[in-house]
Amino acid sequence: MEIKVIKTDQEYQKALKRLDDIFDAPIDSPEGDEADILSIFIEKYEEEHYPIEAPDPIEAIKFRMEQMDLNKSDLAGIIGYKSRVSEIFSRKRKLNLQMIRKLHDKLKIPYEALIEEYK
């Protein structure tokens, strides 16, 4: 088992293949230990080279609504009138602090996702 820090895309691809080969290895085996270490190195490489940006607040709300099978009328019950929901979704109105608090409390959307800048 030769494990080293992943520095190139070629090493990254090789590490992914190896992890795929040993993914189902028993936890208390040398291959299981190797899989744990490889997954850490792969994750670090991906964070540096393939970052995933957080969605803007409106997309986060829409995603959470989809997860919870909610519609705009349901959201109006949380933050106010249907017209206000339409204005927010069309990006004509920004979320205010009171809306952010309600969305966090009712939909469990993290504050960090709701306070991001958006256009």
N, C-alpha and C. Protein backbone atom coordinates (compact mmCIF):
# COMPACT_ATOMS: atom_id res chain seq x y z
N MET A 1 0.84 -1.17 0.00
CA MET A 1 0.00 0.00 0.00
C MET A 1 0.88 1.24 0.00
N GLU A 2 0.96 1.89 -1.14
CA GLU A 2 1.72 3.14 -1.26
C GLU A 2 0.74 4.28 -1.46
N ILE A 3 0.60 5.08 -0.44
CA ILE A 3 -0.34 6.20 -0.50
C ILE A 3 0.46 7.49 -0.40
N LYS A 4 0.13 8.42 -1.28
CA LYS A 4 0.79 9.72 -1.23
C LYS A 4 -0.23 10.81 -1.55
N VAL A 5 0.13 12.02 -1.25
CA VAL A 5 -0.74 13.16 -1.50
C VAL A 5 -1.01 13.26 -2.99
N ILE A 6 -2.24 13.57 -3.33
CA ILE A 6 -2.64 13.70 -4.74
C ILE A 6 -2.33 15.11 -5.21
N LYS A 7 -1.49 15.20 -6.25
CA LYS A 7 -1.07 16.52 -6.75
C LYS A 7 -1.49 16.79 -8.18
N THR A 8 -1.79 15.76 -8.95
CA THR A 8 -2.14 15.95 -10.35
C THR A 8 -3.48 15.28 -10.66
N ASP A 9 -4.05 15.65 -11.79
CA ASP A 9 -5.30 15.04 -12.19
C ASP A 9 -5.10 13.55 -12.49
N GLN A 10 -3.94 13.21 -13.00
CA GLN A 10 -3.65 11.79 -13.28
C GLN A 10 -3.61 10.99 -11.98
N GLU A 11 -2.98 11.53 -10.96
CA GLU A 11 -2.95 10.87 -9.66
C GLU A 11 -4.34 10.79 -9.05
N TYR A 12 -5.12 11.83 -9.28
CA TYR A 12 -6.51 11.86 -8.80
C TYR A 12 -7.31 10.73 -9.44
N GLN A 13 -7.22 10.59 -10.75
CA GLN A 13 -7.95 9.52 -11.46
C GLN A 13 -7.50 8.14 -10.98
N LYS A 14 -6.20 7.99 -10.76
CA LYS A 14 -5.66 6.71 -10.27
C LYS A 14 -6.19 6.41 -8.87
N ALA A 15 -6.25 7.43 -8.03
CA ALA A 15 -6.76 7.26 -6.67
C ALA A 15 -8.25 6.89 -6.69
N LEU A 16 -9.02 7.52 -7.58
CA LEU A 16 -10.44 7.19 -7.70
C LEU A 16 -10.63 5.73 -8.11
N LYS A 17 -9.82 5.28 -9.05
CA LYS A 17 -9.92 3.89 -9.51
C LYS A 17 -9.57 2.94 -8.37
N ARG A 18 -8.51 3.25 -7.66
CA ARG A 18 -8.10 2.37 -6.55
C ARG A 18 -9.18 2.35 -5.46
N LEU A 19 -9.74 3.50 -5.15
CA LEU A 19 -10.80 3.55 -4.14
C LEU A 19 -12.00 2.73 -4.59
N ASP A 20 -12.33 2.80 -5.85
CA ASP A 20 -13.44 2.01 -6.39
C ASP A 20 -13.16 0.51 -6.22
N ASP A 21 -11.90 0.12 -6.42
CA ASP A 21 -11.52 -1.29 -6.30
C ASP A 21 -11.62 -1.81 -4.87
N ILE A 22 -11.32 -0.95 -3.90
CA ILE A 22 -11.26 -1.41 -2.50
C ILE A 22 -12.39 -0.84 -1.64
N PHE A 23 -13.37 -0.22 -2.25
CA PHE A 23 -14.43 0.46 -1.52
C PHE A 23 -15.16 -0.44 -0.53
N ASP A 24 -15.41 -1.68 -0.90
CA ASP A 24 -16.16 -2.59 -0.03
C ASP A 24 -15.28 -3.44 0.89
N ALA A 25 -14.04 -3.04 1.05
CA ALA A 25 -13.12 -3.79 1.92
C ALA A 25 -13.57 -3.71 3.37
N PRO A 26 -13.35 -4.76 4.14
CA PRO A 26 -13.70 -4.73 5.57
C PRO A 26 -13.01 -3.57 6.28
N ILE A 27 -13.68 -2.98 7.24
CA ILE A 27 -13.17 -1.81 7.94
C ILE A 27 -11.82 -2.06 8.62
N ASP A 28 -11.67 -3.19 9.27
CA ASP A 28 -10.46 -3.47 10.03
C ASP A 28 -9.41 -4.22 9.21
N SER A 29 -9.35 -3.95 7.93
CA SER A 29 -8.37 -4.60 7.08
C SER A 29 -7.42 -3.55 6.51
N PRO A 30 -6.26 -3.97 6.00
CA PRO A 30 -5.35 -3.00 5.37
C PRO A 30 -6.02 -2.24 4.23
N GLU A 31 -6.86 -2.93 3.44
CA GLU A 31 -7.56 -2.25 2.35
C GLU A 31 -8.58 -1.25 2.88
N GLY A 32 -9.23 -1.58 3.98
CA GLY A 32 -10.17 -0.66 4.61
C GLY A 32 -9.48 0.61 5.08
N ASP A 33 -8.30 0.43 5.69
CA ASP A 33 -7.50 1.59 6.12
C ASP A 33 -7.07 2.42 4.91
N GLU A 34 -6.65 1.74 3.87
CA GLU A 34 -6.23 2.43 2.64
C GLU A 34 -7.40 3.22 2.06
N ALA A 35 -8.58 2.64 2.05
CA ALA A 35 -9.77 3.33 1.53
C ALA A 35 -10.07 4.60 2.34
N ASP A 36 -9.94 4.51 3.65
CA ASP A 36 -10.17 5.68 4.50
C ASP A 36 -9.19 6.81 4.17
N ILE A 37 -7.92 6.46 4.05
CA ILE A 37 -6.89 7.46 3.76
C ILE A 37 -7.08 8.04 2.36
N LEU A 38 -7.32 7.16 1.39
CA LEU A 38 -7.53 7.63 0.02
C LEU A 38 -8.72 8.58 -0.07
N SER A 39 -9.79 8.27 0.63
CA SER A 39 -10.97 9.13 0.56
C SER A 39 -10.67 10.52 1.12
N ILE A 40 -9.83 10.62 2.13
CA ILE A 40 -9.43 11.91 2.68
C ILE A 40 -8.63 12.71 1.65
N PHE A 41 -7.66 12.04 1.02
CA PHE A 41 -6.84 12.71 0.01
C PHE A 41 -7.67 13.12 -1.21
N ILE A 42 -8.58 12.28 -1.61
CA ILE A 42 -9.45 12.59 -2.75
C ILE A 42 -10.33 13.79 -2.43
N GLU A 43 -10.91 13.80 -1.24
CA GLU A 43 -11.76 14.91 -0.83
C GLU A 43 -10.99 16.22 -0.82
N LYS A 44 -9.78 16.20 -0.29
CA LYS A 44 -8.95 17.41 -0.25
C LYS A 44 -8.64 17.90 -1.65
N TYR A 45 -8.28 16.99 -2.55
CA TYR A 45 -7.98 17.36 -3.93
C TYR A 45 -9.22 17.97 -4.60
N GLU A 46 -10.37 17.36 -4.39
CA GLU A 46 -11.61 17.86 -5.00
C GLU A 46 -11.97 19.24 -4.46
N GLU A 47 -11.78 19.46 -3.17
CA GLU A 47 -12.08 20.78 -2.59
C GLU A 47 -11.23 21.86 -3.22
N GLU A 48 -9.97 21.53 -3.51
CA GLU A 48 -9.05 22.51 -4.08
C GLU A 48 -9.24 22.71 -5.58
N HIS A 49 -9.55 21.63 -6.30
CA HIS A 49 -9.59 21.69 -7.76
C HIS A 49 -10.98 21.68 -8.38
N TYR A 50 -11.97 21.21 -7.66
CA TYR A 50 -13.34 21.13 -8.17
C TYR A 50 -14.32 21.64 -7.12
N PRO A 51 -14.16 22.88 -6.67
CA PRO A 51 -15.04 23.37 -5.61
C PRO A 51 -16.48 23.48 -6.10
N ILE A 52 -17.40 23.21 -5.20
CA ILE A 52 -18.82 23.35 -5.49
C ILE A 52 -19.31 24.56 -4.73
N GLU A 53 -19.76 25.56 -5.47
CA GLU A 53 -20.23 26.78 -4.83
C GLU A 53 -21.64 26.56 -4.28
N ALA A 54 -21.89 27.22 -3.18
CA ALA A 54 -23.22 27.13 -2.57
C ALA A 54 -24.24 27.81 -3.48
N PRO A 55 -25.46 27.32 -3.49
CA PRO A 55 -26.48 27.96 -4.30
C PRO A 55 -26.84 29.33 -3.73
N ASP A 56 -27.36 30.20 -4.58
CA ASP A 56 -27.80 31.48 -4.03
C ASP A 56 -29.05 31.23 -3.18
N PRO A 57 -29.44 32.20 -2.37
CA PRO A 57 -30.56 31.98 -1.44
C PRO A 57 -31.85 31.54 -2.12
N ILE A 58 -32.15 32.10 -3.28
CA ILE A 58 -33.40 31.76 -3.96
C ILE A 58 -33.38 30.29 -4.40
N GLU A 59 -32.26 29.86 -4.95
CA GLU A 59 -32.14 28.46 -5.36
C GLU A 59 -32.18 27.53 -4.16
N ALA A 60 -31.61 27.96 -3.04
CA ALA A 60 -31.65 27.15 -1.81
C ALA A 60 -33.10 27.00 -1.33
N ILE A 61 -33.86 28.07 -1.41
CA ILE A 61 -35.28 28.01 -1.00
C ILE A 61 -36.05 27.07 -1.92
N LYS A 62 -35.85 27.23 -3.23
CA LYS A 62 -36.55 26.37 -4.19
C LYS A 62 -36.21 24.90 -3.98
N PHE A 63 -34.92 24.62 -3.73
CA PHE A 63 -34.49 23.24 -3.51
C PHE A 63 -35.16 22.67 -2.27
N ARG A 64 -35.17 23.44 -1.19
CA ARG A 64 -35.78 22.96 0.05
C ARG A 64 -37.29 22.77 -0.11
N MET A 65 -37.92 23.67 -0.85
CA MET A 65 -39.36 23.52 -1.11
C MET A 65 -39.63 22.22 -1.87
N GLU A 66 -38.78 21.93 -2.84
CA GLU A 66 -38.94 20.69 -3.61
C GLU A 66 -38.77 19.48 -2.70
N GLN A 67 -37.76 19.52 -1.83
CA GLN A 67 -37.53 18.42 -0.89
C GLN A 67 -38.74 18.20 0.01
N MET A 68 -39.36 19.28 0.43
CA MET A 68 -40.48 19.20 1.38
C MET A 68 -41.83 19.15 0.68
N ASP A 69 -41.81 19.11 -0.66
CA ASP A 69 -43.03 19.08 -1.47
C ASP A 69 -43.94 20.25 -1.13
N LEU A 70 -43.35 21.46 -1.10
CA LEU A 70 -44.09 22.68 -0.83
C LEU A 70 -44.30 23.46 -2.12
N ASN A 71 -45.32 24.32 -2.14
CA ASN A 71 -45.54 25.19 -3.29
C ASN A 71 -45.46 26.65 -2.82
N LYS A 72 -45.68 27.56 -3.77
CA LYS A 72 -45.57 28.98 -3.44
C LYS A 72 -46.59 29.42 -2.39
N SER A 73 -47.75 28.80 -2.39
CA SER A 73 -48.76 29.13 -1.38
C SER A 73 -48.27 28.75 0.01
N ASP A 74 -47.60 27.60 0.11
CA ASP A 74 -47.04 27.19 1.39
C ASP A 74 -45.98 28.18 1.86
N LEU A 75 -45.17 28.63 0.91
CA LEU A 75 -44.12 29.60 1.25
C LEU A 75 -44.74 30.94 1.66
N ALA A 76 -45.83 31.31 1.02
CA ALA A 76 -46.51 32.55 1.39
C ALA A 76 -46.97 32.49 2.84
N GLY A 77 -47.36 31.32 3.30
CA GLY A 77 -47.75 31.15 4.69
C GLY A 77 -46.60 31.35 5.66
N ILE A 78 -45.38 31.23 5.16
CA ILE A 78 -44.20 31.39 6.01
C ILE A 78 -43.69 32.83 5.97
N ILE A 79 -43.58 33.42 4.78
CA ILE A 79 -42.94 34.74 4.69
C ILE A 79 -43.90 35.87 4.32
N GLY A 80 -45.14 35.57 4.04
CA GLY A 80 -46.07 36.64 3.71
C GLY A 80 -46.89 36.33 2.47
N TYR A 81 -47.32 37.34 1.83
CA TYR A 81 -48.23 37.24 0.71
C TYR A 81 -47.65 36.50 -0.49
N LYS A 82 -48.57 35.94 -1.33
CA LYS A 82 -48.14 35.27 -2.57
C LYS A 82 -47.40 36.24 -3.47
N SER A 83 -47.85 37.47 -3.50
CA SER A 83 -47.18 38.47 -4.35
C SER A 83 -45.75 38.71 -3.88
N ARG A 84 -45.53 38.65 -2.59
CA ARG A 84 -44.18 38.82 -2.05
C ARG A 84 -43.30 37.64 -2.47
N VAL A 85 -43.85 36.44 -2.43
CA VAL A 85 -43.11 35.26 -2.86
C VAL A 85 -42.73 35.40 -4.33
N SER A 86 -43.67 35.84 -5.15
CA SER A 86 -43.40 36.03 -6.58
C SER A 86 -42.31 37.07 -6.80
N GLU A 87 -42.35 38.15 -6.03
CA GLU A 87 -41.33 39.19 -6.15
C GLU A 87 -39.95 38.65 -5.75
N ILE A 88 -39.92 37.83 -4.73
CA ILE A 88 -38.65 37.25 -4.29
C ILE A 88 -38.12 36.28 -5.35
N PHE A 89 -38.98 35.42 -5.85
CA PHE A 89 -38.55 34.45 -6.85
C PHE A 89 -38.14 35.11 -8.17
N SER A 90 -38.76 36.24 -8.49
CA SER A 90 -38.37 36.96 -9.71
C SER A 90 -37.19 37.90 -9.43
N ARG A 91 -36.75 37.92 -8.19
CA ARG A 91 -35.59 38.68 -7.74
C ARG A 91 -35.82 40.19 -7.79
N LYS A 92 -37.08 40.59 -7.69
CA LYS A 92 -37.42 42.01 -7.63
C LYS A 92 -37.37 42.51 -6.19
N ARG A 93 -37.46 41.59 -5.24
CA ARG A 93 -37.42 41.92 -3.81
C ARG A 93 -36.37 41.03 -3.16
N LYS A 94 -35.57 41.64 -2.30
CA LYS A 94 -34.56 40.89 -1.54
C LYS A 94 -35.19 40.33 -0.26
N LEU A 95 -34.58 39.28 0.24
CA LEU A 95 -35.01 38.73 1.53
C LEU A 95 -34.63 39.72 2.62
N ASN A 96 -35.53 39.94 3.57
CA ASN A 96 -35.17 40.78 4.70
C ASN A 96 -34.86 39.87 5.90
N LEU A 97 -34.41 40.47 6.97
CA LEU A 97 -33.98 39.71 8.14
C LEU A 97 -35.12 38.87 8.72
N GLN A 98 -36.31 39.42 8.77
CA GLN A 98 -37.45 38.68 9.31
C GLN A 98 -37.75 37.45 8.44
N MET A 99 -37.70 37.60 7.12
CA MET A 99 -37.93 36.48 6.21
C MET A 99 -36.86 35.40 6.40
N ILE A 100 -35.62 35.84 6.50
CA ILE A 100 -34.51 34.90 6.68
C ILE A 100 -34.71 34.08 7.95
N ARG A 101 -35.09 34.75 9.02
CA ARG A 101 -35.32 34.03 10.28
C ARG A 101 -36.45 33.01 10.15
N LYS A 102 -37.54 33.42 9.50
CA LYS A 102 -38.67 32.50 9.33
C LYS A 102 -38.30 31.32 8.44
N LEU A 103 -37.58 31.58 7.35
CA LEU A 103 -37.16 30.50 6.45
C LEU A 103 -36.24 29.52 7.17
N HIS A 104 -35.37 30.07 7.99
CA HIS A 104 -34.47 29.20 8.77
C HIS A 104 -35.26 28.36 9.77
N ASP A 105 -36.16 28.99 10.49
CA ASP A 105 -36.94 28.28 11.51
C ASP A 105 -37.88 27.23 10.91
N LYS A 106 -38.58 27.59 9.87
CA LYS A 106 -39.61 26.70 9.31
C LYS A 106 -39.06 25.67 8.31
N LEU A 107 -38.10 26.09 7.48
CA LEU A 107 -37.59 25.19 6.45
C LEU A 107 -36.22 24.61 6.79
N LYS A 108 -35.64 25.07 7.89
CA LYS A 108 -34.33 24.59 8.34
C LYS A 108 -33.23 24.83 7.30
N ILE A 109 -33.35 25.94 6.58
CA ILE A 109 -32.30 26.34 5.65
C ILE A 109 -31.25 27.08 6.47
N PRO A 110 -29.98 26.72 6.35
CA PRO A 110 -28.95 27.39 7.14
C PRO A 110 -28.91 28.90 6.87
N TYR A 111 -28.65 29.65 7.91
CA TYR A 111 -28.54 31.11 7.76
C TYR A 111 -27.51 31.46 6.70
N GLU A 112 -26.40 30.72 6.68
CA GLU A 112 -25.31 31.01 5.74
C GLU A 112 -25.80 30.99 4.30
N ALA A 113 -26.70 30.07 3.99
CA ALA A 113 -27.23 29.97 2.63
C ALA A 113 -28.19 31.12 2.32
N LEU A 114 -28.88 31.60 3.32
CA LEU A 114 -29.90 32.64 3.11
C LEU A 114 -29.32 34.05 3.04
N ILE A 115 -28.15 34.27 3.62
CA ILE A 115 -27.60 35.62 3.63
C ILE A 115 -26.60 35.88 2.51
N GLU A 116 -26.37 34.89 1.65
CA GLU A 116 -25.46 35.07 0.52
C GLU A 116 -25.99 36.15 -0.41
N GLU A 117 -25.08 36.89 -1.05
CA GLU A 117 -25.46 37.89 -2.04
C GLU A 117 -26.05 37.21 -3.26
N TYR A 118 -27.01 37.85 -3.88
CA TYR A 118 -27.59 37.34 -5.13
C TYR A 118 -28.16 38.51 -5.91
N LYS A 119 -28.39 38.27 -7.18
CA LYS A 119 -28.94 39.31 -8.06
C LYS A 119 -30.34 38.98 -8.45
